[in-house]
């Protein structure tokens, strides 16, 4: 059965807070990807079914494409930071403790 928790296989020893922040950032990144997809879908919908201009002013541009691109880039940056935090926790979990040293 698949778990919907990001980085569910990590077992931190001392960096539980950083793992929590990594998971929280991953959820925020997923949320922003959803917002970007909605912005792109809105732009496609406006392209297929254009709004009739009122008063003969010509077509209006709402800027949802630009919003979608900026949101997507922001989401990718957040997911990269989240992955770096998870990598730090994974690295800490792989270190040998003072009681496990090989002499």
N, C-alpha and C. Protein backbone atom coordinates (compact mmCIF):
# COMPACT_ATOMS: atom_id res chain seq x y z
N UNK A 1 0.84 -1.17 0.00
CA UNK A 1 0.00 0.00 0.00
C UNK A 1 0.89 1.24 0.00
N UNK A 2 0.54 2.19 -0.83
CA UNK A 2 1.36 3.39 -0.97
C UNK A 2 0.97 4.42 0.09
N UNK A 3 1.98 4.99 0.73
CA UNK A 3 1.73 6.04 1.71
C UNK A 3 1.79 7.39 1.02
N UNK A 4 0.96 8.32 1.46
CA UNK A 4 0.94 9.65 0.88
C UNK A 4 1.74 10.64 1.71
N UNK A 5 2.72 10.14 2.43
CA UNK A 5 3.60 10.99 3.23
C UNK A 5 4.93 11.10 2.49
N UNK A 6 5.37 12.33 2.17
CA UNK A 6 6.66 12.46 1.51
C UNK A 6 7.79 12.00 2.44
N UNK A 7 8.76 11.34 1.86
CA UNK A 7 9.94 10.87 2.58
C UNK A 7 9.55 9.96 3.75
N UNK A 8 8.62 9.04 3.53
CA UNK A 8 8.13 8.19 4.61
C UNK A 8 9.14 7.13 5.03
N UNK A 9 10.17 6.88 4.22
CA UNK A 9 11.15 5.85 4.56
C UNK A 9 12.27 6.36 5.45
N UNK A 10 12.36 7.65 5.66
CA UNK A 10 13.44 8.21 6.46
C UNK A 10 13.16 8.03 7.95
N UNK A 11 14.19 7.65 8.67
CA UNK A 11 14.11 7.48 10.12
C UNK A 11 15.18 8.36 10.77
N UNK A 12 14.83 9.59 11.13
CA UNK A 12 15.85 10.48 11.69
C UNK A 12 16.19 10.11 13.14
N UNK A 13 17.43 10.39 13.50
CA UNK A 13 17.83 10.20 14.88
C UNK A 13 17.69 11.49 15.66
N UNK A 14 18.22 12.58 15.11
CA UNK A 14 18.23 13.85 15.83
C UNK A 14 17.56 14.98 15.05
N UNK A 15 17.29 14.79 13.78
CA UNK A 15 16.80 15.87 12.94
C UNK A 15 15.33 15.68 12.57
N UNK A 16 14.51 15.36 13.54
CA UNK A 16 13.09 15.16 13.30
C UNK A 16 12.39 16.43 12.86
N UNK A 17 12.82 17.57 13.41
CA UNK A 17 12.21 18.86 13.05
C UNK A 17 12.49 19.18 11.58
N UNK A 18 13.71 18.91 11.13
CA UNK A 18 14.05 19.19 9.73
C UNK A 18 13.26 18.27 8.80
N UNK A 19 13.04 17.03 9.20
CA UNK A 19 12.22 16.14 8.39
C UNK A 19 10.78 16.63 8.34
N UNK A 20 10.27 17.14 9.46
CA UNK A 20 8.92 17.71 9.48
C UNK A 20 8.83 18.90 8.53
N UNK A 21 9.84 19.77 8.55
CA UNK A 21 9.86 20.93 7.66
C UNK A 21 9.96 20.48 6.21
N UNK A 22 10.75 19.45 5.93
CA UNK A 22 10.86 18.93 4.56
C UNK A 22 9.52 18.40 4.07
N UNK A 23 8.81 17.69 4.92
CA UNK A 23 7.49 17.18 4.54
C UNK A 23 6.50 18.31 4.34
N UNK A 24 6.54 19.30 5.22
CA UNK A 24 5.64 20.45 5.09
C UNK A 24 5.92 21.22 3.80
N UNK A 25 7.21 21.42 3.49
CA UNK A 25 7.56 22.10 2.24
C UNK A 25 7.14 21.28 1.02
N UNK A 26 7.22 19.98 1.11
CA UNK A 26 6.78 19.13 -0.01
C UNK A 26 5.29 19.30 -0.25
N UNK A 27 4.50 19.32 0.83
CA UNK A 27 3.06 19.53 0.67
C UNK A 27 2.77 20.91 0.08
N UNK A 28 3.50 21.93 0.52
CA UNK A 28 3.32 23.28 -0.03
C UNK A 28 3.69 23.31 -1.51
N UNK A 29 4.77 22.62 -1.87
CA UNK A 29 5.17 22.54 -3.27
C UNK A 29 4.12 21.85 -4.12
N UNK A 30 3.54 20.76 -3.61
CA UNK A 30 2.48 20.07 -4.34
C UNK A 30 1.26 20.97 -4.51
N UNK A 31 0.94 21.75 -3.48
CA UNK A 31 -0.18 22.67 -3.55
C UNK A 31 0.05 23.72 -4.64
N UNK A 32 1.27 24.27 -4.70
CA UNK A 32 1.56 25.28 -5.71
C UNK A 32 1.58 24.69 -7.12
N UNK A 33 1.96 23.44 -7.26
CA UNK A 33 1.87 22.79 -8.56
C UNK A 33 0.40 22.68 -8.98
N UNK A 34 -0.46 22.36 -8.04
CA UNK A 34 -1.89 22.31 -8.34
C UNK A 34 -2.44 23.68 -8.75
N UNK A 35 -1.99 24.73 -8.07
CA UNK A 35 -2.41 26.08 -8.43
C UNK A 35 -1.92 26.43 -9.84
N UNK A 36 -0.68 26.06 -10.15
CA UNK A 36 -0.14 26.33 -11.49
C UNK A 36 -0.93 25.58 -12.56
N UNK A 37 -1.28 24.33 -12.28
CA UNK A 37 -2.08 23.56 -13.24
C UNK A 37 -3.45 24.19 -13.45
N UNK A 38 -4.04 24.70 -12.37
CA UNK A 38 -5.33 25.39 -12.51
C UNK A 38 -5.19 26.66 -13.33
N UNK A 39 -4.08 27.38 -13.16
CA UNK A 39 -3.86 28.60 -13.94
C UNK A 39 -3.68 28.26 -15.42
N UNK A 40 -2.95 27.19 -15.72
CA UNK A 40 -2.79 26.78 -17.12
C UNK A 40 -4.11 26.32 -17.72
N UNK A 41 -4.90 25.58 -16.94
CA UNK A 41 -6.20 25.14 -17.42
C UNK A 41 -7.13 26.33 -17.67
N UNK A 42 -7.04 27.33 -16.80
CA UNK A 42 -7.84 28.53 -16.99
C UNK A 42 -7.43 29.27 -18.25
N UNK A 43 -6.14 29.33 -18.51
CA UNK A 43 -5.66 29.99 -19.73
C UNK A 43 -6.10 29.24 -20.97
N UNK A 44 -6.06 27.93 -20.93
CA UNK A 44 -6.51 27.13 -22.08
C UNK A 44 -8.01 27.32 -22.28
N UNK A 45 -8.76 27.34 -21.19
CA UNK A 45 -10.20 27.56 -21.29
C UNK A 45 -10.50 28.93 -21.90
N UNK A 46 -9.77 29.96 -21.45
CA UNK A 46 -9.98 31.31 -22.00
C UNK A 46 -9.57 31.39 -23.48
N UNK A 47 -8.63 30.56 -23.89
CA UNK A 47 -8.22 30.54 -25.29
C UNK A 47 -9.28 29.87 -26.16
N UNK A 48 -9.84 28.76 -25.64
CA UNK A 48 -10.84 28.03 -26.42
C UNK A 48 -12.18 28.79 -26.44
N UNK A 49 -12.56 29.35 -25.31
CA UNK A 49 -13.81 30.09 -25.20
C UNK A 49 -13.50 31.54 -24.81
N UNK A 50 -13.13 32.36 -25.77
CA UNK A 50 -12.73 33.73 -25.43
C UNK A 50 -13.91 34.56 -24.91
N UNK A 51 -13.57 35.52 -24.07
CA UNK A 51 -14.56 36.43 -23.51
C UNK A 51 -14.81 37.53 -24.54
N UNK A 52 -16.08 37.82 -24.80
CA UNK A 52 -16.42 38.87 -25.75
C UNK A 52 -16.12 40.21 -25.09
N UNK A 53 -15.31 41.05 -25.75
CA UNK A 53 -14.98 42.35 -25.15
C UNK A 53 -16.20 43.26 -25.07
N UNK A 54 -16.26 43.99 -23.99
CA UNK A 54 -17.36 44.92 -23.77
C UNK A 54 -16.93 46.30 -24.25
N UNK A 55 -17.73 46.95 -25.05
CA UNK A 55 -17.44 48.30 -25.49
C UNK A 55 -16.46 48.38 -26.63
N UNK A 56 -16.14 47.26 -27.27
CA UNK A 56 -15.25 47.29 -28.42
C UNK A 56 -13.81 47.63 -28.10
N UNK A 57 -13.35 47.31 -26.91
CA UNK A 57 -11.98 47.64 -26.52
C UNK A 57 -10.97 46.61 -27.01
N UNK A 58 -11.39 45.58 -27.63
CA UNK A 58 -10.48 44.54 -28.08
C UNK A 58 -10.36 43.45 -27.04
N UNK A 59 -9.49 42.50 -27.30
CA UNK A 59 -9.33 41.39 -26.38
C UNK A 59 -8.60 41.84 -25.12
N UNK A 60 -8.95 41.23 -24.03
CA UNK A 60 -8.28 41.51 -22.76
C UNK A 60 -7.42 40.31 -22.39
N UNK A 61 -6.29 40.58 -21.78
CA UNK A 61 -5.37 39.52 -21.35
C UNK A 61 -5.37 39.50 -19.83
N UNK A 62 -5.63 38.34 -19.27
CA UNK A 62 -5.76 38.23 -17.82
C UNK A 62 -4.45 37.87 -17.12
N UNK A 63 -3.47 37.39 -17.82
CA UNK A 63 -2.18 37.10 -17.22
C UNK A 63 -2.11 35.81 -16.44
N UNK A 64 -3.04 34.89 -16.66
CA UNK A 64 -3.00 33.64 -15.90
C UNK A 64 -1.84 32.75 -16.34
N UNK A 65 -1.41 32.90 -17.59
CA UNK A 65 -0.27 32.11 -18.05
C UNK A 65 0.99 32.51 -17.28
N UNK A 66 1.20 33.82 -17.13
CA UNK A 66 2.36 34.30 -16.39
C UNK A 66 2.29 33.87 -14.92
N UNK A 67 1.10 33.93 -14.35
CA UNK A 67 0.92 33.48 -12.97
C UNK A 67 1.23 32.00 -12.84
N UNK A 68 0.79 31.21 -13.81
CA UNK A 68 1.06 29.77 -13.77
C UNK A 68 2.54 29.45 -13.86
N UNK A 69 3.26 30.17 -14.72
CA UNK A 69 4.70 29.92 -14.87
C UNK A 69 5.43 30.31 -13.59
N UNK A 70 5.10 31.47 -13.04
CA UNK A 70 5.77 31.92 -11.81
C UNK A 70 5.47 30.96 -10.66
N UNK A 71 4.23 30.53 -10.55
CA UNK A 71 3.86 29.59 -9.49
C UNK A 71 4.55 28.25 -9.67
N UNK A 72 4.67 27.79 -10.90
CA UNK A 72 5.35 26.52 -11.16
C UNK A 72 6.83 26.60 -10.81
N UNK A 73 7.49 27.69 -11.16
CA UNK A 73 8.90 27.86 -10.81
C UNK A 73 9.06 27.92 -9.29
N UNK A 74 8.16 28.64 -8.63
CA UNK A 74 8.20 28.73 -7.17
C UNK A 74 8.02 27.36 -6.54
N UNK A 75 7.10 26.55 -7.08
CA UNK A 75 6.87 25.21 -6.56
C UNK A 75 8.09 24.32 -6.74
N UNK A 76 8.74 24.43 -7.88
CA UNK A 76 9.94 23.62 -8.12
C UNK A 76 11.05 24.00 -7.15
N UNK A 77 11.23 25.29 -6.89
CA UNK A 77 12.25 25.74 -5.93
C UNK A 77 11.92 25.20 -4.53
N UNK A 78 10.66 25.26 -4.14
CA UNK A 78 10.26 24.74 -2.83
C UNK A 78 10.52 23.25 -2.75
N UNK A 79 10.22 22.50 -3.80
CA UNK A 79 10.46 21.05 -3.78
C UNK A 79 11.95 20.72 -3.75
N UNK A 80 12.78 21.55 -4.38
CA UNK A 80 14.23 21.33 -4.33
C UNK A 80 14.74 21.55 -2.91
N UNK A 81 14.27 22.61 -2.25
CA UNK A 81 14.68 22.87 -0.85
C UNK A 81 14.21 21.73 0.04
N UNK A 82 12.99 21.25 -0.18
CA UNK A 82 12.46 20.13 0.59
C UNK A 82 13.32 18.88 0.40
N UNK A 83 13.73 18.61 -0.83
CA UNK A 83 14.58 17.45 -1.11
C UNK A 83 15.95 17.60 -0.46
N UNK A 84 16.48 18.81 -0.43
CA UNK A 84 17.78 19.04 0.23
C UNK A 84 17.67 18.79 1.73
N UNK A 85 16.57 19.24 2.35
CA UNK A 85 16.37 18.96 3.77
C UNK A 85 16.26 17.45 4.01
N UNK A 86 15.53 16.76 3.15
CA UNK A 86 15.39 15.31 3.30
C UNK A 86 16.72 14.60 3.10
N UNK A 87 17.54 15.11 2.18
CA UNK A 87 18.86 14.52 1.98
C UNK A 87 19.74 14.72 3.21
N UNK A 88 19.60 15.87 3.86
CA UNK A 88 20.36 16.11 5.09
C UNK A 88 19.93 15.14 6.18
N UNK A 89 18.64 14.90 6.31
CA UNK A 89 18.14 13.95 7.31
C UNK A 89 18.61 12.53 6.97
N UNK A 90 18.58 12.18 5.70
CA UNK A 90 19.03 10.85 5.29
C UNK A 90 20.52 10.67 5.56
N UNK A 91 21.28 11.70 5.30
CA UNK A 91 22.72 11.63 5.57
C UNK A 91 22.97 11.47 7.07
N UNK A 92 22.23 12.20 7.89
CA UNK A 92 22.40 12.10 9.34
C UNK A 92 22.02 10.71 9.83
N UNK A 93 20.98 10.13 9.24
CA UNK A 93 20.55 8.80 9.67
C UNK A 93 21.54 7.72 9.26
N UNK A 94 22.33 7.98 8.22
CA UNK A 94 23.29 6.97 7.76
C UNK A 94 24.61 7.03 8.51
N UNK A 95 24.84 8.08 9.29
CA UNK A 95 26.09 8.18 10.05
C UNK A 95 26.11 7.16 11.17
N UNK A 96 27.28 6.69 11.45
CA UNK A 96 27.43 5.75 12.55
C UNK A 96 27.49 6.54 13.86
N UNK A 97 26.78 6.06 14.84
CA UNK A 97 26.77 6.71 16.15
C UNK A 97 28.05 6.39 16.91
N UNK A 98 28.27 7.05 18.04
CA UNK A 98 29.47 6.79 18.84
C UNK A 98 29.53 5.37 19.39
N UNK A 99 28.40 4.71 19.52
CA UNK A 99 28.38 3.35 20.05
C UNK A 99 28.53 2.30 18.97
N UNK A 100 28.49 2.70 17.71
CA UNK A 100 28.54 1.74 16.60
C UNK A 100 29.85 1.81 15.82
N UNK A 101 30.85 2.39 16.36
CA UNK A 101 32.11 2.54 15.62
C UNK A 101 32.82 1.21 15.48
N UNK A 102 33.45 1.07 14.31
CA UNK A 102 34.26 -0.12 14.07
C UNK A 102 35.71 0.25 14.35
N UNK A 103 36.37 -0.53 15.13
CA UNK A 103 37.76 -0.22 15.49
C UNK A 103 38.70 -1.08 14.68
